[in-house]
Amino acid sequence: MATDVILPKWGLTMEDGTVVAWHIDEGDHVVAGEMIAEVETEKVENELEAPCSGVVAQILVDEDETVDVGTVLAVIADNEAEAEAIAGA
């Protein structure tokens, strides 16, 4: 089952964030806790970690794009077959 990578709310007043850099590509294998992106908020730059281990099926937000808290940034699949199915959908 795929897992959504969601922009978390790191501070009480945080409403949005900008993806500064992705450290992964679609098709990459990731490990839970691995830094996958840098996200800038109004006050600081944060490291976004993979919420689970698996294969990056989709990256849904481009670098330099600003999105609201709770936005799905990427999707991590359990395995390569599931990632290919999601990417092809």
PDB file of N, CA and C in Angstrom:
ATOM      1  N   MET A   1       0.842  -1.184   0.000  1.00  0.00           N
ATOM      2  CA  MET A   1       0.000   0.000   0.000  1.00  0.00           C
ATOM      3  C   MET A   1       0.883   1.241   0.000  1.00  0.00           C
ATOM      4  N   ALA A   2       0.578   2.184  -0.829  1.00  0.00           N
ATOM      5  CA  ALA A   2       1.369   3.402  -0.972  1.00  0.00           C
ATOM      6  C   ALA A   2       1.140   4.348   0.209  1.00  0.00           C
ATOM      7  N   THR A   3       2.163   5.158   0.474  1.00  0.00           N
ATOM      8  CA  THR A   3       2.105   6.135   1.556  1.00  0.00           C
ATOM      9  C   THR A   3       2.320   7.520   0.982  1.00  0.00           C
ATOM     10  N   ASP A   4       1.441   8.451   1.349  1.00  0.00           N
ATOM     11  CA  ASP A   4       1.598   9.841   0.931  1.00  0.00           C
ATOM     12  C   ASP A   4       2.630  10.532   1.813  1.00  0.00           C
ATOM     13  N   VAL A   5       3.484  11.330   1.180  1.00  0.00           N
ATOM     14  CA  VAL A   5       4.427  12.178   1.911  1.00  0.00           C
ATOM     15  C   VAL A   5       3.769  13.548   1.975  1.00  0.00           C
ATOM     16  N   ILE A   6       3.378  13.942   3.167  1.00  0.00           N
ATOM     17  CA  ILE A   6       2.590  15.157   3.362  1.00  0.00           C
ATOM     18  C   ILE A   6       3.451  16.250   3.988  1.00  0.00           C
ATOM     19  N   LEU A   7       3.232  17.503   3.561  1.00  0.00           N
ATOM     20  CA  LEU A   7       3.932  18.631   4.181  1.00  0.00           C
ATOM     21  C   LEU A   7       3.406  18.795   5.602  1.00  0.00           C
ATOM     22  N   PRO A   8       4.278  18.536   6.598  1.00  0.00           N
ATOM     23  CA  PRO A   8       3.818  18.643   7.981  1.00  0.00           C
ATOM     24  C   PRO A   8       3.770  20.090   8.457  1.00  0.00           C
ATOM     25  N   LYS A   9       3.098  20.305   9.565  1.00  0.00           N
ATOM     26  CA  LYS A   9       3.057  21.620  10.201  1.00  0.00           C
ATOM     27  C   LYS A   9       4.124  21.612  11.285  1.00  0.00           C
ATOM     28  N   TRP A  10       5.275  22.260  11.013  1.00  0.00           N
ATOM     29  CA  TRP A  10       6.400  22.247  11.931  1.00  0.00           C
ATOM     30  C   TRP A  10       6.296  23.295  13.027  1.00  0.00           C
ATOM     31  N   GLY A  11       5.449  24.295  12.844  1.00  0.00           N
ATOM     32  CA  GLY A  11       5.309  25.349  13.851  1.00  0.00           C
ATOM     33  C   GLY A  11       3.868  25.781  13.979  1.00  0.00           C
ATOM     34  N   LEU A  12       3.542  26.419  15.085  1.00  0.00           N
ATOM     35  CA  LEU A  12       2.155  26.815  15.343  1.00  0.00           C
ATOM     36  C   LEU A  12       1.590  27.741  14.277  1.00  0.00           C
ATOM     37  N   THR A  13       2.424  28.618  13.722  1.00  0.00           N
ATOM     38  CA  THR A  13       1.927  29.588  12.750  1.00  0.00           C
ATOM     39  C   THR A  13       2.199  29.185  11.300  1.00  0.00           C
ATOM     40  N   MET A  14       2.815  28.040  11.098  1.00  0.00           N
ATOM     41  CA  MET A  14       3.155  27.610   9.737  1.00  0.00           C
ATOM     42  C   MET A  14       1.890  27.323   8.933  1.00  0.00           C
ATOM     43  N   GLU A  15       1.798  27.946   7.763  1.00  0.00           N
ATOM     44  CA  GLU A  15       0.660  27.736   6.867  1.00  0.00           C
ATOM     45  C   GLU A  15       1.067  27.099   5.549  1.00  0.00           C
ATOM     46  N   ASP A  16       2.336  27.317   5.141  1.00  0.00           N
ATOM     47  CA  ASP A  16       2.800  26.768   3.869  1.00  0.00           C
ATOM     48  C   ASP A  16       4.308  26.582   3.907  1.00  0.00           C
ATOM     49  N   GLY A  17       4.828  25.987   2.846  1.00  0.00           N
ATOM     50  CA  GLY A  17       6.264  25.780   2.730  1.00  0.00           C
ATOM     51  C   GLY A  17       6.662  25.674   1.271  1.00  0.00           C
ATOM     52  N   THR A  18       7.926  25.954   1.000  1.00  0.00           N
ATOM     53  CA  THR A  18       8.460  25.885  -0.359  1.00  0.00           C
ATOM     54  C   THR A  18       9.480  24.758  -0.437  1.00  0.00           C
ATOM     55  N   VAL A  19       9.293  23.852  -1.394  1.00  0.00           N
ATOM     56  CA  VAL A  19      10.257  22.777  -1.599  1.00  0.00           C
ATOM     57  C   VAL A  19      11.495  23.401  -2.237  1.00  0.00           C
ATOM     58  N   VAL A  20      12.575  23.434  -1.468  1.00  0.00           N
ATOM     59  CA  VAL A  20      13.823  24.033  -1.942  1.00  0.00           C
ATOM     60  C   VAL A  20      14.580  23.045  -2.822  1.00  0.00           C
ATOM     61  N   ALA A  21      14.643  21.781  -2.378  1.00  0.00           N
ATOM     62  CA  ALA A  21      15.385  20.772  -3.135  1.00  0.00           C
ATOM     63  C   ALA A  21      14.874  19.376  -2.800  1.00  0.00           C
ATOM     64  N   TRP A  22      14.763  18.552  -3.819  1.00  0.00           N
ATOM     65  CA  TRP A  22      14.490  17.123  -3.628  1.00  0.00           C
ATOM     66  C   TRP A  22      15.826  16.406  -3.617  1.00  0.00           C
ATOM     67  N   HIS A  23      15.976  15.427  -2.736  1.00  0.00           N
ATOM     68  CA  HIS A  23      17.190  14.610  -2.673  1.00  0.00           C
ATOM     69  C   HIS A  23      16.914  13.200  -3.187  1.00  0.00           C
ATOM     70  N   ILE A  24      15.778  13.046  -3.854  1.00  0.00           N
ATOM     71  CA  ILE A  24      15.353  11.762  -4.416  1.00  0.00           C
ATOM     72  C   ILE A  24      14.802  12.001  -5.811  1.00  0.00           C
ATOM     73  N   ASP A  25      14.659  10.920  -6.554  1.00  0.00           N
ATOM     74  CA  ASP A  25      13.992  10.942  -7.855  1.00  0.00           C
ATOM     75  C   ASP A  25      12.956   9.831  -7.872  1.00  0.00           C
ATOM     76  N   GLU A  26      12.010   9.932  -8.780  1.00  0.00           N
ATOM     77  CA  GLU A  26      11.041   8.847  -8.941  1.00  0.00           C
ATOM     78  C   GLU A  26      11.794   7.571  -9.285  1.00  0.00           C
ATOM     79  N   GLY A  27      11.408   6.477  -8.645  1.00  0.00           N
ATOM     80  CA  GLY A  27      12.062   5.194  -8.858  1.00  0.00           C
ATOM     81  C   GLY A  27      13.141   4.873  -7.839  1.00  0.00           C
ATOM     82  N   ASP A  28      13.550   5.875  -7.057  1.00  0.00           N
ATOM     83  CA  ASP A  28      14.576   5.643  -6.032  1.00  0.00           C
ATOM     84  C   ASP A  28      14.012   4.839  -4.868  1.00  0.00           C
ATOM     85  N   HIS A  29      14.863   4.036  -4.264  1.00  0.00           N
ATOM     86  CA  HIS A  29      14.510   3.338  -3.024  1.00  0.00           C
ATOM     87  C   HIS A  29      14.864   4.266  -1.860  1.00  0.00           C
ATOM     88  N   VAL A  30      13.973   4.360  -0.881  1.00  0.00           N
ATOM     89  CA  VAL A  30      14.216   5.188   0.300  1.00  0.00           C
ATOM     90  C   VAL A  30      14.002   4.355   1.558  1.00  0.00           C
ATOM     91  N   VAL A  31      14.594   4.827   2.649  1.00  0.00           N
ATOM     92  CA  VAL A  31      14.482   4.171   3.943  1.00  0.00           C
ATOM     93  C   VAL A  31      13.783   5.140   4.891  1.00  0.00           C
ATOM     94  N   ALA A  32      12.895   4.634   5.729  1.00  0.00           N
ATOM     95  CA  ALA A  32      12.191   5.474   6.694  1.00  0.00           C
ATOM     96  C   ALA A  32      13.193   6.309   7.489  1.00  0.00           C
ATOM     97  N   GLY A  33      12.933   7.608   7.585  1.00  0.00           N
ATOM     98  CA  GLY A  33      13.804   8.513   8.319  1.00  0.00           C
ATOM     99  C   GLY A  33      14.870   9.177   7.473  1.00  0.00           C
ATOM    100  N   GLU A  34      15.039   8.707   6.240  1.00  0.00           N
ATOM    101  CA  GLU A  34      16.023   9.300   5.324  1.00  0.00           C
ATOM    102  C   GLU A  34      15.538  10.676   4.878  1.00  0.00           C
ATOM    103  N   MET A  35      16.461  11.661   4.813  1.00  0.00           N
ATOM    104  CA  MET A  35      16.080  12.986   4.328  1.00  0.00           C
ATOM    105  C   MET A  35      15.812  12.906   2.829  1.00  0.00           C
ATOM    106  N   ILE A  36      14.612  13.331   2.430  1.00  0.00           N
ATOM    107  CA  ILE A  36      14.257  13.258   1.017  1.00  0.00           C
ATOM    108  C   ILE A  36      14.101  14.630   0.370  1.00  0.00           C
ATOM    109  N   ALA A  37      13.926  15.687   1.201  1.00  0.00           N
ATOM    110  CA  ALA A  37      13.759  17.020   0.635  1.00  0.00           C
ATOM    111  C   ALA A  37      14.079  18.078   1.684  1.00  0.00           C
ATOM    112  N   GLU A  38      14.352  19.277   1.190  1.00  0.00           N
ATOM    113  CA  GLU A  38      14.504  20.445   2.048  1.00  0.00           C
ATOM    114  C   GLU A  38      13.319  21.355   1.769  1.00  0.00           C
ATOM    115  N   VAL A  39      12.672  21.812   2.846  1.00  0.00           N
ATOM    116  CA  VAL A  39      11.493  22.659   2.723  1.00  0.00           C
ATOM    117  C   VAL A  39      11.721  23.929   3.532  1.00  0.00           C
ATOM    118  N   GLU A  40      11.513  25.075   2.896  1.00  0.00           N
ATOM    119  CA  GLU A  40      11.689  26.360   3.562  1.00  0.00           C
ATOM    120  C   GLU A  40      10.334  26.886   4.006  1.00  0.00           C
ATOM    121  N   THR A  41      10.289  27.305   5.266  1.00  0.00           N
ATOM    122  CA  THR A  41       9.091  27.957   5.791  1.00  0.00           C
ATOM    123  C   THR A  41       9.442  29.421   6.023  1.00  0.00           C
ATOM    124  N   GLU A  42       8.529  30.166   6.583  1.00  0.00           N
ATOM    125  CA  GLU A  42       8.802  31.592   6.766  1.00  0.00           C
ATOM    126  C   GLU A  42       9.964  31.855   7.721  1.00  0.00           C
ATOM    127  N   LYS A  43      10.293  30.898   8.547  1.00  0.00           N
ATOM    128  CA  LYS A  43      11.337  31.131   9.543  1.00  0.00           C
ATOM    129  C   LYS A  43      12.608  30.310   9.332  1.00  0.00           C
ATOM    130  N   VAL A  44      12.482  29.068   8.886  1.00  0.00           N
ATOM    131  CA  VAL A  44      13.657  28.193   8.796  1.00  0.00           C
ATOM    132  C   VAL A  44      13.553  27.241   7.615  1.00  0.00           C
ATOM    133  N   GLU A  45      14.675  26.577   7.341  1.00  0.00           N
ATOM    134  CA  GLU A  45      14.692  25.505   6.352  1.00  0.00           C
ATOM    135  C   GLU A  45      14.671  24.176   7.107  1.00  0.00           C
ATOM    136  N   ASN A  46      13.748  23.302   6.749  1.00  0.00           N
ATOM    137  CA  ASN A  46      13.568  22.028   7.440  1.00  0.00           C
ATOM    138  C   ASN A  46      13.925  20.865   6.523  1.00  0.00           C
ATOM    139  N   GLU A  47      14.327  19.756   7.151  1.00  0.00           N
ATOM    140  CA  GLU A  47      14.598  18.532   6.415  1.00  0.00           C
ATOM    141  C   GLU A  47      13.366  17.642   6.491  1.00  0.00           C
ATOM    142  N   LEU A  48      12.833  17.277   5.339  1.00  0.00           N
ATOM    143  CA  LEU A  48      11.686  16.386   5.264  1.00  0.00           C
ATOM    144  C   LEU A  48      12.197  14.955   5.155  1.00  0.00           C
ATOM    145  N   GLU A  49      11.729  14.096   6.061  1.00  0.00           N
ATOM    146  CA  GLU A  49      12.173  12.703   6.080  1.00  0.00           C
ATOM    147  C   GLU A  49      11.115  11.787   5.479  1.00  0.00           C
ATOM    148  N   ALA A  50      11.571  10.693   4.912  1.00  0.00           N
ATOM    149  CA  ALA A  50      10.660   9.674   4.381  1.00  0.00           C
ATOM    150  C   ALA A  50       9.873   9.077   5.548  1.00  0.00           C
ATOM    151  N   PRO A  51       8.545   9.010   5.436  1.00  0.00           N
ATOM    152  CA  PRO A  51       7.740   8.450   6.524  1.00  0.00           C
ATOM    153  C   PRO A  51       7.791   6.925   6.584  1.00  0.00           C
ATOM    154  N   CYS A  52       8.294   6.308   5.502  1.00  0.00           N
ATOM    155  CA  CYS A  52       8.358   4.843   5.438  1.00  0.00           C
ATOM    156  C   CYS A  52       9.432   4.446   4.439  1.00  0.00           C
ATOM    157  N   SER A  53       9.758   3.176   4.419  1.00  0.00           N
ATOM    158  CA  SER A  53      10.690   2.647   3.420  1.00  0.00           C
ATOM    159  C   SER A  53       9.895   2.212   2.189  1.00  0.00           C
ATOM    160  N   GLY A  54      10.512   2.309   1.018  1.00  0.00           N
ATOM    161  CA  GLY A  54       9.849   1.874  -0.199  1.00  0.00           C
ATOM    162  C   GLY A  54      10.483   2.483  -1.428  1.00  0.00           C
ATOM    163  N   VAL A  55       9.682   2.606  -2.474  1.00  0.00           N
ATOM    164  CA  VAL A  55      10.130   3.140  -3.759  1.00  0.00           C
ATOM    165  C   VAL A  55       9.334   4.401  -4.063  1.00  0.00           C
ATOM    166  N   VAL A  56      10.030   5.465  -4.463  1.00  0.00           N
ATOM    167  CA  VAL A  56       9.357   6.721  -4.786  1.00  0.00           C
ATOM    168  C   VAL A  56       8.565   6.524  -6.076  1.00  0.00           C
ATOM    169  N   ALA A  57       7.251   6.566  -5.961  1.00  0.00           N
ATOM    170  CA  ALA A  57       6.381   6.352  -7.121  1.00  0.00           C
ATOM    171  C   ALA A  57       6.119   7.652  -7.873  1.00  0.00           C
ATOM    172  N   GLN A  58       5.912   8.735  -7.125  1.00  0.00           N
ATOM    173  CA  GLN A  58       5.609  10.028  -7.757  1.00  0.00           C
ATOM    174  C   GLN A  58       6.142  11.162  -6.892  1.00  0.00           C
ATOM    175  N   ILE A  59       6.634  12.194  -7.547  1.00  0.00           N
ATOM    176  CA  ILE A  59       6.925  13.470  -6.905  1.00  0.00           C
ATOM    177  C   ILE A  59       5.905  14.442  -7.476  1.00  0.00           C
ATOM    178  N   LEU A  60       5.069  14.984  -6.614  1.00  0.00           N
ATOM    179  CA  LEU A  60       3.918  15.773  -7.061  1.00  0.00           C
ATOM    180  C   LEU A  60       4.124  17.280  -6.987  1.00  0.00           C
ATOM    181  N   VAL A  61       5.172  17.720  -6.286  1.00  0.00           N
ATOM    182  CA  VAL A  61       5.432  19.148  -6.128  1.00  0.00           C
ATOM    183  C   VAL A  61       6.842  19.438  -6.638  1.00  0.00           C
ATOM    184  N   ASP A  62       6.949  20.427  -7.506  1.00  0.00           N
ATOM    185  CA  ASP A  62       8.243  20.795  -8.085  1.00  0.00           C
ATOM    186  C   ASP A  62       9.086  21.596  -7.105  1.00  0.00           C
ATOM    187  N   GLU A  63      10.403  21.604  -7.341  1.00  0.00           N
ATOM    188  CA  GLU A  63      11.286  22.480  -6.570  1.00  0.00           C
ATOM    189  C   GLU A  63      10.857  23.921  -6.809  1.00  0.00           C
ATOM    190  N   ASP A  64      10.996  24.745  -5.776  1.00  0.00           N
ATOM    191  CA  ASP A  64      10.626  26.165  -5.772  1.00  0.00           C
ATOM    192  C   ASP A  64       9.119  26.386  -5.772  1.00  0.00           C
ATOM    193  N   GLU A  65       8.331  25.332  -5.607  1.00  0.00           N
ATOM    194  CA  GLU A  65       6.880  25.461  -5.529  1.00  0.00           C
ATOM    195  C   GLU A  65       6.463  25.580  -4.060  1.00  0.00           C
ATOM    196  N   THR A  66       5.563  26.531  -3.787  1.00  0.00           N
ATOM    197  CA  THR A  66       5.042  26.751  -2.445  1.00  0.00           C
ATOM    198  C   THR A  66       3.663  26.121  -2.338  1.00  0.00           C
ATOM    199  N   VAL A  67       3.462  25.327  -1.280  1.00  0.00           N
ATOM    200  CA  VAL A  67       2.188  24.636  -1.091  1.00  0.00           C
ATOM    201  C   VAL A  67       1.753  24.747   0.366  1.00  0.00           C
ATOM    202  N   ASP A  68       0.480  24.501   0.607  1.00  0.00           N
ATOM    203  CA  ASP A  68      -0.089  24.578   1.951  1.00  0.00           C
ATOM    204  C   ASP A  68       0.277  23.358   2.784  1.00  0.00           C
ATOM    205  N   VAL A  69       0.283  23.541   4.109  1.00  0.00           N
ATOM    206  CA  VAL A  69       0.460  22.435   5.043  1.00  0.00           C
ATOM    207  C   VAL A  69      -0.595  21.382   4.727  1.00  0.00           C
ATOM    208  N   GLY A  70      -0.210  20.123   4.751  1.00  0.00           N
ATOM    209  CA  GLY A  70      -1.132  19.031   4.468  1.00  0.00           C
ATOM    210  C   GLY A  70      -1.160  18.599   3.015  1.00  0.00           C
ATOM    211  N   THR A  71      -0.461  19.318   2.146  1.00  0.00           N
ATOM    212  CA  THR A  71      -0.402  18.959   0.728  1.00  0.00           C
ATOM    213  C   THR A  71       0.432  17.687   0.550  1.00  0.00           C
ATOM    214  N   VAL A  72      -0.007  16.804  -0.330  1.00  0.00           N
ATOM    215  CA  VAL A  72       0.762  15.606  -0.654  1.00  0.00           C
ATOM    216  C   VAL A  72       1.900  16.013  -1.585  1.00  0.00           C
ATOM    217  N   LEU A  73       3.127  15.800  -1.121  1.00  0.00           N
ATOM    218  CA  LEU A  73       4.308  16.189  -1.887  1.00  0.00           C
ATOM    219  C   LEU A  73       4.806  15.078  -2.795  1.00  0.00           C
ATOM    220  N   ALA A  74       4.667  13.838  -2.329  1.00  0.00           N
ATOM    221  CA  ALA A  74       5.164  12.681  -3.072  1.00  0.00           C
ATOM    222  C   ALA A  74       4.421  11.441  -2.593  1.00  0.00           C
ATOM    223  N   VAL A  75       4.617  10.343  -3.320  1.00  0.00           N
ATOM    224  CA  VAL A  75       4.012   9.063  -2.949  1.00  0.00           C
ATOM    225  C   VAL A  75       5.105   8.007  -2.929  1.00  0.00           C
ATOM    226  N   ILE A  76       5.151   7.237  -1.839  1.00  0.00           N
ATOM    227  CA  ILE A  76       6.120   6.155  -1.704  1.00  0.00           C
ATOM    228  C   ILE A  76       5.360   4.837  -1.727  1.00  0.00           C
ATOM    229  N   ALA A  77       5.731   3.982  -2.672  1.00  0.00           N
ATOM    230  CA  ALA A  77       5.095   2.667  -2.817  1.00  0.00           C
ATOM    231  C   ALA A  77       5.899   1.627  -2.045  1.00  0.00           C
ATOM    232  N   ASP A  78       5.261   0.494  -1.761  1.00  0.00           N
ATOM    233  CA  ASP A  78       5.925  -0.589  -1.033  1.00  0.00           C
ATOM    234  C   ASP A  78       7.001  -1.277  -1.862  1.00  0.00           C
ATOM    235  N   ASN A  79       6.787  -1.319  -3.190  1.00  0.00           N
ATOM    236  CA  ASN A  79       7.737  -2.031  -4.050  1.00  0.00           C
ATOM    237  C   ASN A  79       7.727  -1.439  -5.459  1.00  0.00           C
ATOM    238  N   GLU A  80       8.618  -1.929  -6.311  1.00  0.00           N
ATOM    239  CA  GLU A  80       8.752  -1.380  -7.657  1.00  0.00           C
ATOM    240  C   GLU A  80       7.501  -1.590  -8.504  1.00  0.00           C
ATOM    241  N   ALA A  81       6.862  -2.748  -8.395  1.00  0.00           N
ATOM    242  CA  ALA A  81       5.660  -3.017  -9.184  1.00  0.00           C
ATOM    243  C   ALA A  81       4.555  -2.037  -8.831  1.00  0.00           C
ATOM    244  N   GLU A  82       4.364  -1.797  -7.554  1.00  0.00           N
ATOM    245  CA  GLU A  82       3.334  -0.842  -7.123  1.00  0.00           C
ATOM    246  C   GLU A  82       3.695   0.575  -7.573  1.00  0.00           C
ATOM    247  N   ALA A  83       4.976   0.934  -7.490  1.00  0.00           N
ATOM    248  CA  ALA A  83       5.426   2.265  -7.934  1.00  0.00           C
ATOM    249  C   ALA A  83       5.150   2.458  -9.415  1.00  0.00           C
ATOM    250  N   GLU A  84       5.412   1.426 -10.221  1.00  0.00           N
ATOM    251  CA  GLU A  84       5.162   1.528 -11.661  1.00  0.00           C
ATOM    252  C   GLU A  84       3.670   1.671 -11.947  1.00  0.00           C
ATOM    253  N   ALA A  85       2.846   0.957 -11.198  1.00  0.00           N
ATOM    254  CA  ALA A  85       1.397   1.046 -11.376  1.00  0.00           C
ATOM    255  C   ALA A  85       0.893   2.444 -11.043  1.00  0.00           C
ATOM    256  N   ILE A  86       1.406   3.026  -9.980  1.00  0.00           N
ATOM    257  CA  ILE A  86       0.984   4.369  -9.564  1.00  0.00           C
ATOM    258  C   ILE A  86       1.467   5.395 -10.582  1.00  0.00           C
ATOM    259  N   ALA A  87       2.715   5.292 -11.007  1.00  0.00           N
ATOM    260  CA  ALA A  87       3.270   6.243 -11.967  1.00  0.00           C
ATOM    261  C   ALA A  87       2.541   6.180 -13.299  1.00  0.00           C
ATOM    262  N   GLY A  88       2.064   5.001 -13.661  1.00  0.00           N
ATOM    263  CA  GLY A  88       1.366   4.838 -14.938  1.00  0.00           C
ATOM    264  C   GLY A  88      -0.104   5.202 -14.891  1.00  0.00           C
ATOM    265  N   ALA A  89      -0.633   5.430 -13.698  1.00  0.00           N
ATOM    266  CA  ALA A  89      -2.063   5.733 -13.544  1.00  0.00           C
ATOM    267  C   ALA A  89      -2.415   7.124 -13.988  1.00  0.00           C
TER     268      ALA A  89
END
